[in-house]
Amino acid sequence: MSAPEAQLSVDLSGLNCPLPILRAKKALADLPSGTVLHLICTDPGTPSDFEAFCRQTGHALAHHEVGADGKFLFWLKRR
C-alpha cells in the first residue's frame, strides 16, 4: 500500500515524547476533516505513540513506514 497524498507535512525530527504527539495534535486541529497530515519523526517511540493516539482520538493512521534515512514516516487522516 502506498502513502496517501498529504495536505500538510510536518518535520518533527529531533523531538522526543511527548512533543511529536502534541505538535501532531495541534496540526490536525487546523486541518479540515478527511485531510491527511504527513509526519516525519526520529523518536523510536513514535510508532506505538501514534497508534495509541489514533485509537484514542479517532483519527486514522492511514500509512506508516521507515524511510531510507531511518526516520519514521506517518500519514494521519483527520476524523
Protein backbone atom coordinates (compact mmCIF):
# COMPACT_ATOMS: atom_id res chain seq x y z
CA MET A 1 0.00 0.00 0.00
CA SER A 2 1.36 3.41 -0.92
CA ALA A 3 1.18 6.56 1.14
CA PRO A 4 -1.78 8.87 0.55
CA GLU A 5 -1.30 12.42 -0.68
CA ALA A 6 -0.87 14.74 2.28
CA GLN A 7 -2.21 18.29 2.53
CA LEU A 8 0.39 19.22 5.16
CA SER A 9 3.80 17.84 6.12
CA VAL A 10 5.43 18.48 9.50
CA ASP A 11 9.04 17.57 10.27
CA LEU A 12 9.29 16.54 13.92
CA SER A 13 12.87 15.27 13.67
CA GLY A 14 14.84 15.66 16.87
CA LEU A 15 11.77 15.91 19.09
CA ASN A 16 11.12 13.30 21.78
CA CYS A 17 7.92 12.22 23.51
CA PRO A 18 5.53 13.89 24.11
CA LEU A 19 6.37 16.69 21.64
CA PRO A 20 5.66 14.74 18.40
CA ILE A 21 2.16 13.88 19.62
CA LEU A 22 1.47 17.41 20.85
CA ARG A 23 2.65 19.01 17.59
CA ALA A 24 0.64 16.50 15.53
CA LYS A 25 -2.46 17.22 17.61
CA LYS A 26 -2.04 20.96 17.02
CA ALA A 27 -1.51 20.49 13.26
CA LEU A 28 -4.57 18.21 12.96
CA ALA A 29 -6.74 20.78 14.74
CA ASP A 30 -6.08 23.25 11.92
CA LEU A 31 -6.99 20.79 9.13
CA PRO A 32 -10.46 20.07 7.78
CA SER A 33 -12.00 16.63 8.32
CA GLY A 34 -10.77 13.96 5.92
CA THR A 35 -7.45 15.61 5.10
CA VAL A 36 -4.09 13.90 5.54
CA LEU A 37 -1.17 15.04 7.68
CA HIS A 38 2.32 13.70 6.93
CA LEU A 39 4.73 13.49 9.86
CA ILE A 40 8.48 12.88 9.88
CA CYS A 41 9.87 11.66 13.21
CA THR A 42 13.13 10.37 14.69
CA ASP A 43 11.92 9.28 18.16
CA PRO A 44 11.87 5.45 18.15
CA GLY A 45 8.81 5.51 20.41
CA THR A 46 6.60 7.27 17.88
CA PRO A 47 5.21 4.16 16.10
CA SER A 48 3.47 2.93 19.25
CA ASP A 49 2.68 6.51 20.35
CA PHE A 50 0.85 7.35 17.11
CA GLU A 51 -1.02 4.01 17.06
CA ALA A 52 -2.33 4.78 20.57
CA PHE A 53 -3.02 8.42 19.66
CA CYS A 54 -5.16 7.38 16.68
CA ARG A 55 -7.07 4.78 18.72
CA GLN A 56 -7.83 7.36 21.40
CA THR A 57 -8.72 10.30 19.15
CA GLY A 58 -10.50 8.62 16.22
CA HIS A 59 -8.03 9.84 13.60
CA ALA A 60 -6.86 7.16 11.16
CA LEU A 61 -3.28 6.02 10.79
CA ALA A 62 -3.55 5.84 7.01
CA HIS A 63 0.03 4.68 6.40
CA HIS A 64 3.38 4.42 8.14
CA GLU A 65 6.85 3.34 7.14
CA VAL A 66 10.51 3.75 7.97
CA GLY A 67 12.32 5.89 5.41
CA ALA A 68 15.66 5.03 3.83
CA ASP A 69 17.26 7.50 6.25
CA GLY A 70 15.80 5.64 9.26
CA LYS A 71 13.18 8.28 10.02
CA PHE A 72 9.66 7.22 10.95
CA LEU A 73 7.04 8.47 8.50
CA PHE A 74 3.33 8.67 9.30
CA TRP A 75 0.25 9.74 7.39
CA LEU A 76 -2.70 10.56 9.66
CA LYS A 77 -6.17 11.15 8.26
CA ARG A 78 -8.18 13.63 10.32
CA ARG A 79 -11.52 12.40 11.56
